[in-house]
Amino acid sequence: VGKELIIVNDCSADRSEREIMAVIR
């Protein structure tokens, strides 16, 4: 079983995008 990670940011107004990008990096 392989893994495909899909993240959808529903226009969060908090630090979500920054945290997501940090995890990706």
mmCIF file of all heavy atoms, coordinates in Angstrom:
data_MODEL
# 
_entry.id   MODEL 
# 
loop_
_atom_site.group_PDB 
_atom_site.id 
_atom_site.type_symbol 
_atom_site.label_atom_id 
_atom_site.label_alt_id 
_atom_site.label_comp_id 
_atom_site.label_asym_id 
_atom_site.label_entity_id 
_atom_site.label_seq_id 
_atom_site.pdbx_PDB_ins_code 
_atom_site.Cartn_x 
_atom_site.Cartn_y 
_atom_site.Cartn_z 
_atom_site.occupancy 
_atom_site.B_iso_or_equiv 
_atom_site.pdbx_formal_charge 
_atom_site.auth_seq_id 
_atom_site.auth_comp_id 
_atom_site.auth_asym_id 
_atom_site.auth_atom_id 
_atom_site.pdbx_PDB_model_num 
ATOM 1   N N   . VAL A 1 1  ? 0.858   -1.189 0.000  1.00 0.00 ? 1  VAL A N   1 
ATOM 2   C CA  . VAL A 1 1  ? 0.000   0.000  0.000  1.00 0.00 ? 1  VAL A CA  1 
ATOM 3   C C   . VAL A 1 1  ? 0.891   1.235  0.000  1.00 0.00 ? 1  VAL A C   1 
ATOM 4   O O   . VAL A 1 1  ? 1.681   1.439  0.907  1.00 0.00 ? 1  VAL A O   1 
ATOM 5   C CB  . VAL A 1 1  ? -0.952  0.029  1.216  1.00 0.00 ? 1  VAL A CB  1 
ATOM 6   C CG1 . VAL A 1 1  ? -1.774  1.309  1.230  1.00 0.00 ? 1  VAL A CG1 1 
ATOM 7   C CG2 . VAL A 1 1  ? -1.864  -1.186 1.210  1.00 0.00 ? 1  VAL A CG2 1 
ATOM 8   N N   . GLY A 1 2  ? 0.760   2.041  -1.035 1.00 0.00 ? 2  GLY A N   1 
ATOM 9   C CA  . GLY A 1 2  ? 1.525   3.275  -1.133 1.00 0.00 ? 2  GLY A CA  1 
ATOM 10  C C   . GLY A 1 2  ? 0.799   4.401  -0.432 1.00 0.00 ? 2  GLY A C   1 
ATOM 11  O O   . GLY A 1 2  ? -0.337  4.245  0.043  1.00 0.00 ? 2  GLY A O   1 
ATOM 12  N N   . LYS A 1 3  ? 1.461   5.530  -0.357 1.00 0.00 ? 3  LYS A N   1 
ATOM 13  C CA  . LYS A 1 3  ? 0.886   6.671  0.357  1.00 0.00 ? 3  LYS A CA  1 
ATOM 14  C C   . LYS A 1 3  ? 0.928   7.901  -0.533 1.00 0.00 ? 3  LYS A C   1 
ATOM 15  O O   . LYS A 1 3  ? 1.928   8.189  -1.176 1.00 0.00 ? 3  LYS A O   1 
ATOM 16  C CB  . LYS A 1 3  ? 1.702   6.929  1.618  1.00 0.00 ? 3  LYS A CB  1 
ATOM 17  C CG  . LYS A 1 3  ? 1.102   7.927  2.561  1.00 0.00 ? 3  LYS A CG  1 
ATOM 18  C CD  . LYS A 1 3  ? 2.009   8.219  3.757  1.00 0.00 ? 3  LYS A CD  1 
ATOM 19  C CE  . LYS A 1 3  ? 2.539   6.998  4.416  1.00 0.00 ? 3  LYS A CE  1 
ATOM 20  N NZ  . LYS A 1 3  ? 3.431   7.275  5.557  1.00 0.00 ? 3  LYS A NZ  1 
ATOM 21  N N   . GLU A 1 4  ? -0.167  8.612  -0.565 1.00 0.00 ? 4  GLU A N   1 
ATOM 22  C CA  . GLU A 1 4  ? -0.278  9.862  -1.297 1.00 0.00 ? 4  GLU A CA  1 
ATOM 23  C C   . GLU A 1 4  ? -0.858  10.877 -0.311 1.00 0.00 ? 4  GLU A C   1 
ATOM 24  O O   . GLU A 1 4  ? -1.940  10.667 0.225  1.00 0.00 ? 4  GLU A O   1 
ATOM 25  C CB  . GLU A 1 4  ? -1.217  9.645  -2.480 1.00 0.00 ? 4  GLU A CB  1 
ATOM 26  C CG  . GLU A 1 4  ? -1.546  10.854 -3.277 1.00 0.00 ? 4  GLU A CG  1 
ATOM 27  C CD  . GLU A 1 4  ? -2.431  10.498 -4.461 1.00 0.00 ? 4  GLU A CD  1 
ATOM 28  O OE1 . GLU A 1 4  ? -3.484  9.843  -4.279 1.00 0.00 ? 4  GLU A OE1 1 
ATOM 29  O OE2 . GLU A 1 4  ? -2.053  10.867 -5.572 1.00 0.00 ? 4  GLU A OE2 1 
ATOM 30  N N   . LEU A 1 5  ? -0.138  11.933 -0.038 1.00 0.00 ? 5  LEU A N   1 
ATOM 31  C CA  . LEU A 1 5  ? -0.587  12.921 0.932  1.00 0.00 ? 5  LEU A CA  1 
ATOM 32  C C   . LEU A 1 5  ? -1.101  14.152 0.197  1.00 0.00 ? 5  LEU A C   1 
ATOM 33  O O   . LEU A 1 5  ? -0.370  14.808 -0.540 1.00 0.00 ? 5  LEU A O   1 
ATOM 34  C CB  . LEU A 1 5  ? 0.564   13.301 1.864  1.00 0.00 ? 5  LEU A CB  1 
ATOM 35  C CG  . LEU A 1 5  ? 0.250   14.256 3.007  1.00 0.00 ? 5  LEU A CG  1 
ATOM 36  C CD1 . LEU A 1 5  ? -0.837  13.689 3.915  1.00 0.00 ? 5  LEU A CD1 1 
ATOM 37  C CD2 . LEU A 1 5  ? 1.511   14.531 3.812  1.00 0.00 ? 5  LEU A CD2 1 
ATOM 38  N N   . ILE A 1 6  ? -2.385  14.453 0.412  1.00 0.00 ? 6  ILE A N   1 
ATOM 39  C CA  . ILE A 1 6  ? -3.021  15.608 -0.211 1.00 0.00 ? 6  ILE A CA  1 
ATOM 40  C C   . ILE A 1 6  ? -3.499  16.517 0.919  1.00 0.00 ? 6  ILE A C   1 
ATOM 41  O O   . ILE A 1 6  ? -4.247  16.084 1.794  1.00 0.00 ? 6  ILE A O   1 
ATOM 42  C CB  . ILE A 1 6  ? -4.210  15.187 -1.095 1.00 0.00 ? 6  ILE A CB  1 
ATOM 43  C CG1 . ILE A 1 6  ? -3.728  14.235 -2.193 1.00 0.00 ? 6  ILE A CG1 1 
ATOM 44  C CG2 . ILE A 1 6  ? -4.909  16.411 -1.674 1.00 0.00 ? 6  ILE A CG2 1 
ATOM 45  C CD1 . ILE A 1 6  ? -4.850  13.530 -2.923 1.00 0.00 ? 6  ILE A CD1 1 
ATOM 46  N N   . ILE A 1 7  ? -3.051  17.754 0.895  1.00 0.00 ? 7  ILE A N   1 
ATOM 47  C CA  . ILE A 1 7  ? -3.448  18.729 1.913  1.00 0.00 ? 7  ILE A CA  1 
ATOM 48  C C   . ILE A 1 7  ? -4.265  19.822 1.236  1.00 0.00 ? 7  ILE A C   1 
ATOM 49  O O   . ILE A 1 7  ? -3.824  20.393 0.236  1.00 0.00 ? 7  ILE A O   1 
ATOM 50  C CB  . ILE A 1 7  ? -2.216  19.349 2.595  1.00 0.00 ? 7  ILE A CB  1 
ATOM 51  C CG1 . ILE A 1 7  ? -1.396  18.260 3.297  1.00 0.00 ? 7  ILE A CG1 1 
ATOM 52  C CG2 . ILE A 1 7  ? -2.646  20.441 3.571  1.00 0.00 ? 7  ILE A CG2 1 
ATOM 53  C CD1 . ILE A 1 7  ? -0.076  18.750 3.849  1.00 0.00 ? 7  ILE A CD1 1 
ATOM 54  N N   . VAL A 1 8  ? -5.436  20.098 1.791  1.00 0.00 ? 8  VAL A N   1 
ATOM 55  C CA  . VAL A 1 8  ? -6.271  21.180 1.280  1.00 0.00 ? 8  VAL A CA  1 
ATOM 56  C C   . VAL A 1 8  ? -6.384  22.236 2.370  1.00 0.00 ? 8  VAL A C   1 
ATOM 57  O O   . VAL A 1 8  ? -6.880  21.962 3.460  1.00 0.00 ? 8  VAL A O   1 
ATOM 58  C CB  . VAL A 1 8  ? -7.677  20.685 0.876  1.00 0.00 ? 8  VAL A CB  1 
ATOM 59  C CG1 . VAL A 1 8  ? -8.521  21.848 0.362  1.00 0.00 ? 8  VAL A CG1 1 
ATOM 60  C CG2 . VAL A 1 8  ? -7.582  19.578 -0.165 1.00 0.00 ? 8  VAL A CG2 1 
ATOM 61  N N   . ASN A 1 9  ? -5.929  23.435 2.068  1.00 0.00 ? 9  ASN A N   1 
ATOM 62  C CA  . ASN A 1 9  ? -6.048  24.569 2.978  1.00 0.00 ? 9  ASN A CA  1 
ATOM 63  C C   . ASN A 1 9  ? -7.261  25.378 2.521  1.00 0.00 ? 9  ASN A C   1 
ATOM 64  O O   . ASN A 1 9  ? -7.253  25.973 1.457  1.00 0.00 ? 9  ASN A O   1 
ATOM 65  C CB  . ASN A 1 9  ? -4.776  25.422 2.940  1.00 0.00 ? 9  ASN A CB  1 
ATOM 66  C CG  . ASN A 1 9  ? -4.820  26.577 3.901  1.00 0.00 ? 9  ASN A CG  1 
ATOM 67  O OD1 . ASN A 1 9  ? -5.866  26.921 4.431  1.00 0.00 ? 9  ASN A OD1 1 
ATOM 68  N ND2 . ASN A 1 9  ? -3.677  27.195 4.115  1.00 0.00 ? 9  ASN A ND2 1 
ATOM 69  N N   . ASP A 1 10 ? -8.295  25.368 3.348  1.00 0.00 ? 10 ASP A N   1 
ATOM 70  C CA  . ASP A 1 10 ? -9.539  26.047 2.997  1.00 0.00 ? 10 ASP A CA  1 
ATOM 71  C C   . ASP A 1 10 ? -9.500  27.510 3.434  1.00 0.00 ? 10 ASP A C   1 
ATOM 72  O O   . ASP A 1 10 ? -10.362 27.980 4.168  1.00 0.00 ? 10 ASP A O   1 
ATOM 73  C CB  . ASP A 1 10 ? -10.727 25.316 3.625  1.00 0.00 ? 10 ASP A CB  1 
ATOM 74  C CG  . ASP A 1 10 ? -12.057 25.806 3.108  1.00 0.00 ? 10 ASP A CG  1 
ATOM 75  O OD1 . ASP A 1 10 ? -12.145 26.170 1.920  1.00 0.00 ? 10 ASP A OD1 1 
ATOM 76  O OD2 . ASP A 1 10 ? -13.016 25.839 3.902  1.00 0.00 ? 10 ASP A OD2 1 
ATOM 77  N N   . CYS A 1 11 ? -8.457  28.216 2.979  1.00 0.00 ? 11 CYS A N   1 
ATOM 78  C CA  . CYS A 1 11 ? -8.290  29.645 3.249  1.00 0.00 ? 11 CYS A CA  1 
ATOM 79  C C   . CYS A 1 11 ? -8.207  29.945 4.747  1.00 0.00 ? 11 CYS A C   1 
ATOM 80  O O   . CYS A 1 11 ? -8.821  30.872 5.255  1.00 0.00 ? 11 CYS A O   1 
ATOM 81  C CB  . CYS A 1 11 ? -9.403  30.463 2.594  1.00 0.00 ? 11 CYS A CB  1 
ATOM 82  S SG  . CYS A 1 11 ? -9.029  32.233 2.536  1.00 0.00 ? 11 CYS A SG  1 
ATOM 83  N N   . SER A 1 12 ? -7.433  29.140 5.454  1.00 0.00 ? 12 SER A N   1 
ATOM 84  C CA  . SER A 1 12 ? -7.257  29.355 6.887  1.00 0.00 ? 12 SER A CA  1 
ATOM 85  C C   . SER A 1 12 ? -6.648  30.727 7.146  1.00 0.00 ? 12 SER A C   1 
ATOM 86  O O   . SER A 1 12 ? -5.737  31.149 6.435  1.00 0.00 ? 12 SER A O   1 
ATOM 87  C CB  . SER A 1 12 ? -6.350  28.282 7.484  1.00 0.00 ? 12 SER A CB  1 
ATOM 88  O OG  . SER A 1 12 ? -6.977  27.026 7.412  1.00 0.00 ? 12 SER A OG  1 
ATOM 89  N N   . ALA A 1 13 ? -7.132  31.373 8.180  1.00 0.00 ? 13 ALA A N   1 
ATOM 90  C CA  . ALA A 1 13 ? -6.635  32.704 8.532  1.00 0.00 ? 13 ALA A CA  1 
ATOM 91  C C   . ALA A 1 13 ? -5.600  32.642 9.652  1.00 0.00 ? 13 ALA A C   1 
ATOM 92  O O   . ALA A 1 13 ? -5.122  33.656 10.113 1.00 0.00 ? 13 ALA A O   1 
ATOM 93  C CB  . ALA A 1 13 ? -7.799  33.593 8.961  1.00 0.00 ? 13 ALA A CB  1 
ATOM 94  N N   . ASP A 1 14 ? -5.261  31.435 10.082 1.00 0.00 ? 14 ASP A N   1 
ATOM 95  C CA  . ASP A 1 14 ? -4.281  31.280 11.149 1.00 0.00 ? 14 ASP A CA  1 
ATOM 96  C C   . ASP A 1 14 ? -2.899  30.966 10.562 1.00 0.00 ? 14 ASP A C   1 
ATOM 97  O O   . ASP A 1 14 ? -2.612  31.355 9.446  1.00 0.00 ? 14 ASP A O   1 
ATOM 98  C CB  . ASP A 1 14 ? -4.732  30.188 12.121 1.00 0.00 ? 14 ASP A CB  1 
ATOM 99  C CG  . ASP A 1 14 ? -4.970  28.853 11.425 1.00 0.00 ? 14 ASP A CG  1 
ATOM 100 O OD1 . ASP A 1 14 ? -4.564  28.701 10.252 1.00 0.00 ? 14 ASP A OD1 1 
ATOM 101 O OD2 . ASP A 1 14 ? -5.551  27.961 12.055 1.00 0.00 ? 14 ASP A OD2 1 
ATOM 102 N N   . ARG A 1 15 ? -2.081  30.252 11.275 1.00 0.00 ? 15 ARG A N   1 
ATOM 103 C CA  . ARG A 1 15 ? -0.722  29.919 10.824 1.00 0.00 ? 15 ARG A CA  1 
ATOM 104 C C   . ARG A 1 15 ? -0.667  28.632 10.008 1.00 0.00 ? 15 ARG A C   1 
ATOM 105 O O   . ARG A 1 15 ? 0.412   28.097 9.784  1.00 0.00 ? 15 ARG A O   1 
ATOM 106 C CB  . ARG A 1 15 ? 0.182   29.782 12.036 1.00 0.00 ? 15 ARG A CB  1 
ATOM 107 C CG  . ARG A 1 15 ? 0.321   31.059 12.828 1.00 0.00 ? 15 ARG A CG  1 
ATOM 108 C CD  . ARG A 1 15 ? 1.200   30.872 14.017 1.00 0.00 ? 15 ARG A CD  1 
ATOM 109 N NE  . ARG A 1 15 ? 2.356   30.059 13.641 1.00 0.00 ? 15 ARG A NE  1 
ATOM 110 C CZ  . ARG A 1 15 ? 3.353   29.751 14.443 1.00 0.00 ? 15 ARG A CZ  1 
ATOM 111 N NH1 . ARG A 1 15 ? 3.359   30.184 15.658 1.00 0.00 ? 15 ARG A NH1 1 
ATOM 112 N NH2 . ARG A 1 15 ? 4.351   29.005 14.024 1.00 0.00 ? 15 ARG A NH2 1 
ATOM 113 N N   . SER A 1 16 ? -1.798  28.120 9.569  1.00 0.00 ? 16 SER A N   1 
ATOM 114 C CA  . SER A 1 16 ? -1.843  26.829 8.879  1.00 0.00 ? 16 SER A CA  1 
ATOM 115 C C   . SER A 1 16 ? -0.879  26.748 7.703  1.00 0.00 ? 16 SER A C   1 
ATOM 116 O O   . SER A 1 16 ? -0.114  25.797 7.589  1.00 0.00 ? 16 SER A O   1 
ATOM 117 C CB  . SER A 1 16 ? -3.259  26.524 8.389  1.00 0.00 ? 16 SER A CB  1 
ATOM 118 O OG  . SER A 1 16 ? -4.127  26.342 9.473  1.00 0.00 ? 16 SER A OG  1 
ATOM 119 N N   . GLU A 1 17 ? -0.924  27.727 6.827  1.00 0.00 ? 17 GLU A N   1 
ATOM 120 C CA  . GLU A 1 17 ? -0.071  27.664 5.636  1.00 0.00 ? 17 GLU A CA  1 
ATOM 121 C C   . GLU A 1 17 ? 1.403   27.617 6.020  1.00 0.00 ? 17 GLU A C   1 
ATOM 122 O O   . GLU A 1 17 ? 2.170   26.835 5.465  1.00 0.00 ? 17 GLU A O   1 
ATOM 123 C CB  . GLU A 1 17 ? -0.339  28.835 4.697  1.00 0.00 ? 17 GLU A CB  1 
ATOM 124 C CG  . GLU A 1 17 ? 0.559   28.770 3.471  1.00 0.00 ? 17 GLU A CG  1 
ATOM 125 C CD  . GLU A 1 17 ? -0.151  29.200 2.213  1.00 0.00 ? 17 GLU A CD  1 
ATOM 126 O OE1 . GLU A 1 17 ? -1.257  29.751 2.273  1.00 0.00 ? 17 GLU A OE1 1 
ATOM 127 O OE2 . GLU A 1 17 ? 0.423   28.957 1.151  1.00 0.00 ? 17 GLU A OE2 1 
ATOM 128 N N   . ARG A 1 18 ? 1.797   28.424 6.972  1.00 0.00 ? 18 ARG A N   1 
ATOM 129 C CA  . ARG A 1 18 ? 3.195   28.436 7.418  1.00 0.00 ? 18 ARG A CA  1 
ATOM 130 C C   . ARG A 1 18 ? 3.592   27.067 7.979  1.00 0.00 ? 18 ARG A C   1 
ATOM 131 O O   . ARG A 1 18 ? 4.665   26.553 7.703  1.00 0.00 ? 18 ARG A O   1 
ATOM 132 C CB  . ARG A 1 18 ? 3.384   29.522 8.470  1.00 0.00 ? 18 ARG A CB  1 
ATOM 133 C CG  . ARG A 1 18 ? 4.823   29.790 8.790  1.00 0.00 ? 18 ARG A CG  1 
ATOM 134 C CD  . ARG A 1 18 ? 5.018   30.977 9.690  1.00 0.00 ? 18 ARG A CD  1 
ATOM 135 N NE  . ARG A 1 18 ? 3.887   31.899 9.694  1.00 0.00 ? 18 ARG A NE  1 
ATOM 136 C CZ  . ARG A 1 18 ? 3.568   32.695 10.684 1.00 0.00 ? 18 ARG A CZ  1 
ATOM 137 N NH1 . ARG A 1 18 ? 4.308   32.733 11.760 1.00 0.00 ? 18 ARG A NH1 1 
ATOM 138 N NH2 . ARG A 1 18 ? 2.528   33.493 10.603 1.00 0.00 ? 18 ARG A NH2 1 
ATOM 139 N N   . GLU A 1 19 ? 2.708   26.476 8.778  1.00 0.00 ? 19 GLU A N   1 
ATOM 140 C CA  . GLU A 1 19 ? 2.987   25.157 9.364  1.00 0.00 ? 19 GLU A CA  1 
ATOM 141 C C   . GLU A 1 19 ? 3.043   24.075 8.292  1.00 0.00 ? 19 GLU A C   1 
ATOM 142 O O   . GLU A 1 19 ? 3.913   23.203 8.332  1.00 0.00 ? 19 GLU A O   1 
ATOM 143 C CB  . GLU A 1 19 ? 1.928   24.814 10.413 1.00 0.00 ? 19 GLU A CB  1 
ATOM 144 C CG  . GLU A 1 19 ? 1.943   25.712 11.623 1.00 0.00 ? 19 GLU A CG  1 
ATOM 145 C CD  . GLU A 1 19 ? 3.219   25.582 12.438 1.00 0.00 ? 19 GLU A CD  1 
ATOM 146 O OE1 . GLU A 1 19 ? 3.777   24.472 12.516 1.00 0.00 ? 19 GLU A OE1 1 
ATOM 147 O OE2 . GLU A 1 19 ? 3.658   26.600 12.999 1.00 0.00 ? 19 GLU A OE2 1 
ATOM 148 N N   . ILE A 1 20 ? 2.119   24.125 7.345  1.00 0.00 ? 20 ILE A N   1 
ATOM 149 C CA  . ILE A 1 20 ? 2.098   23.144 6.257  1.00 0.00 ? 20 ILE A CA  1 
ATOM 150 C C   . ILE A 1 20 ? 3.385   23.220 5.453  1.00 0.00 ? 20 ILE A C   1 
ATOM 151 O O   . ILE A 1 20 ? 4.024   22.193 5.178  1.00 0.00 ? 20 ILE A O   1 
ATOM 152 C CB  . ILE A 1 20 ? 0.874   23.372 5.340  1.00 0.00 ? 20 ILE A CB  1 
ATOM 153 C CG1 . ILE A 1 20 ? -0.420  23.044 6.090  1.00 0.00 ? 20 ILE A CG1 1 
ATOM 154 C CG2 . ILE A 1 20 ? 0.991   22.554 4.059  1.00 0.00 ? 20 ILE A CG2 1 
ATOM 155 C CD1 . ILE A 1 20 ? -1.666  23.568 5.413  1.00 0.00 ? 20 ILE A CD1 1 
ATOM 156 N N   . MET A 1 21 ? 3.790   24.416 5.100  1.00 0.00 ? 21 MET A N   1 
ATOM 157 C CA  . MET A 1 21 ? 5.009   24.585 4.308  1.00 0.00 ? 21 MET A CA  1 
ATOM 158 C C   . MET A 1 21 ? 6.242   24.124 5.087  1.00 0.00 ? 21 MET A C   1 
ATOM 159 O O   . MET A 1 21 ? 7.160   23.535 4.523  1.00 0.00 ? 21 MET A O   1 
ATOM 160 C CB  . MET A 1 21 ? 5.167   26.034 3.848  1.00 0.00 ? 21 MET A CB  1 
ATOM 161 C CG  . MET A 1 21 ? 4.025   26.506 2.940  1.00 0.00 ? 21 MET A CG  1 
ATOM 162 S SD  . MET A 1 21 ? 3.605   25.380 1.599  1.00 0.00 ? 21 MET A SD  1 
ATOM 163 C CE  . MET A 1 21 ? 5.040   25.549 0.568  1.00 0.00 ? 21 MET A CE  1 
ATOM 164 N N   . ALA A 1 22 ? 6.260   24.343 6.386  1.00 0.00 ? 22 ALA A N   1 
ATOM 165 C CA  . ALA A 1 22 ? 7.379   23.889 7.216  1.00 0.00 ? 22 ALA A CA  1 
ATOM 166 C C   . ALA A 1 22 ? 7.457   22.368 7.225  1.00 0.00 ? 22 ALA A C   1 
ATOM 167 O O   . ALA A 1 22 ? 8.550   21.796 7.115  1.00 0.00 ? 22 ALA A O   1 
ATOM 168 C CB  . ALA A 1 22 ? 7.237   24.439 8.634  1.00 0.00 ? 22 ALA A CB  1 
ATOM 169 N N   . VAL A 1 23 ? 6.326   21.709 7.339  1.00 0.00 ? 23 VAL A N   1 
ATOM 170 C CA  . VAL A 1 23 ? 6.307   20.238 7.322  1.00 0.00 ? 23 VAL A CA  1 
ATOM 171 C C   . VAL A 1 23 ? 6.786   19.722 5.967  1.00 0.00 ? 23 VAL A C   1 
ATOM 172 O O   . VAL A 1 23 ? 7.578   18.784 5.889  1.00 0.00 ? 23 VAL A O   1 
ATOM 173 C CB  . VAL A 1 23 ? 4.895   19.701 7.658  1.00 0.00 ? 23 VAL A CB  1 
ATOM 174 C CG1 . VAL A 1 23 ? 4.797   18.215 7.364  1.00 0.00 ? 23 VAL A CG1 1 
ATOM 175 C CG2 . VAL A 1 23 ? 4.543   19.990 9.107  1.00 0.00 ? 23 VAL A CG2 1 
ATOM 176 N N   . ILE A 1 24 ? 6.324   20.340 4.902  1.00 0.00 ? 24 ILE A N   1 
ATOM 177 C CA  . ILE A 1 24 ? 6.742   19.921 3.550  1.00 0.00 ? 24 ILE A CA  1 
ATOM 178 C C   . ILE A 1 24 ? 8.254   20.083 3.400  1.00 0.00 ? 24 ILE A C   1 
ATOM 179 O O   . ILE A 1 24 ? 8.932   19.199 2.869  1.00 0.00 ? 24 ILE A O   1 
ATOM 180 C CB  . ILE A 1 24 ? 5.970   20.717 2.478  1.00 0.00 ? 24 ILE A CB  1 
ATOM 181 C CG1 . ILE A 1 24 ? 4.487   20.288 2.483  1.00 0.00 ? 24 ILE A CG1 1 
ATOM 182 C CG2 . ILE A 1 24 ? 6.594   20.522 1.095  1.00 0.00 ? 24 ILE A CG2 1 
ATOM 183 C CD1 . ILE A 1 24 ? 3.593   21.148 1.613  1.00 0.00 ? 24 ILE A CD1 1 
ATOM 184 N N   . ARG A 1 25 ? 8.803   21.194 3.883  1.00 0.00 ? 25 ARG A N   1 
ATOM 185 C CA  . ARG A 1 25 ? 10.259  21.411 3.802  1.00 0.00 ? 25 ARG A CA  1 
ATOM 186 C C   . ARG A 1 25 ? 11.034  20.403 4.642  1.00 0.00 ? 25 ARG A C   1 
ATOM 187 O O   . ARG A 1 25 ? 12.096  19.937 4.244  1.00 0.00 ? 25 ARG A O   1 
ATOM 188 C CB  . ARG A 1 25 ? 10.609  22.832 4.233  1.00 0.00 ? 25 ARG A CB  1 
ATOM 189 C CG  . ARG A 1 25 ? 10.389  23.875 3.154  1.00 0.00 ? 25 ARG A CG  1 
ATOM 190 C CD  . ARG A 1 25 ? 11.020  25.220 3.518  1.00 0.00 ? 25 ARG A CD  1 
ATOM 191 N NE  . ARG A 1 25 ? 10.510  25.795 4.761  1.00 0.00 ? 25 ARG A NE  1 
ATOM 192 C CZ  . ARG A 1 25 ? 9.365   26.471 4.866  1.00 0.00 ? 25 ARG A CZ  1 
ATOM 193 N NH1 . ARG A 1 25 ? 8.610   26.675 3.802  1.00 0.00 ? 25 ARG A NH1 1 
ATOM 194 N NH2 . ARG A 1 25 ? 8.970   26.954 6.023  1.00 0.00 ? 25 ARG A NH2 1 
# 
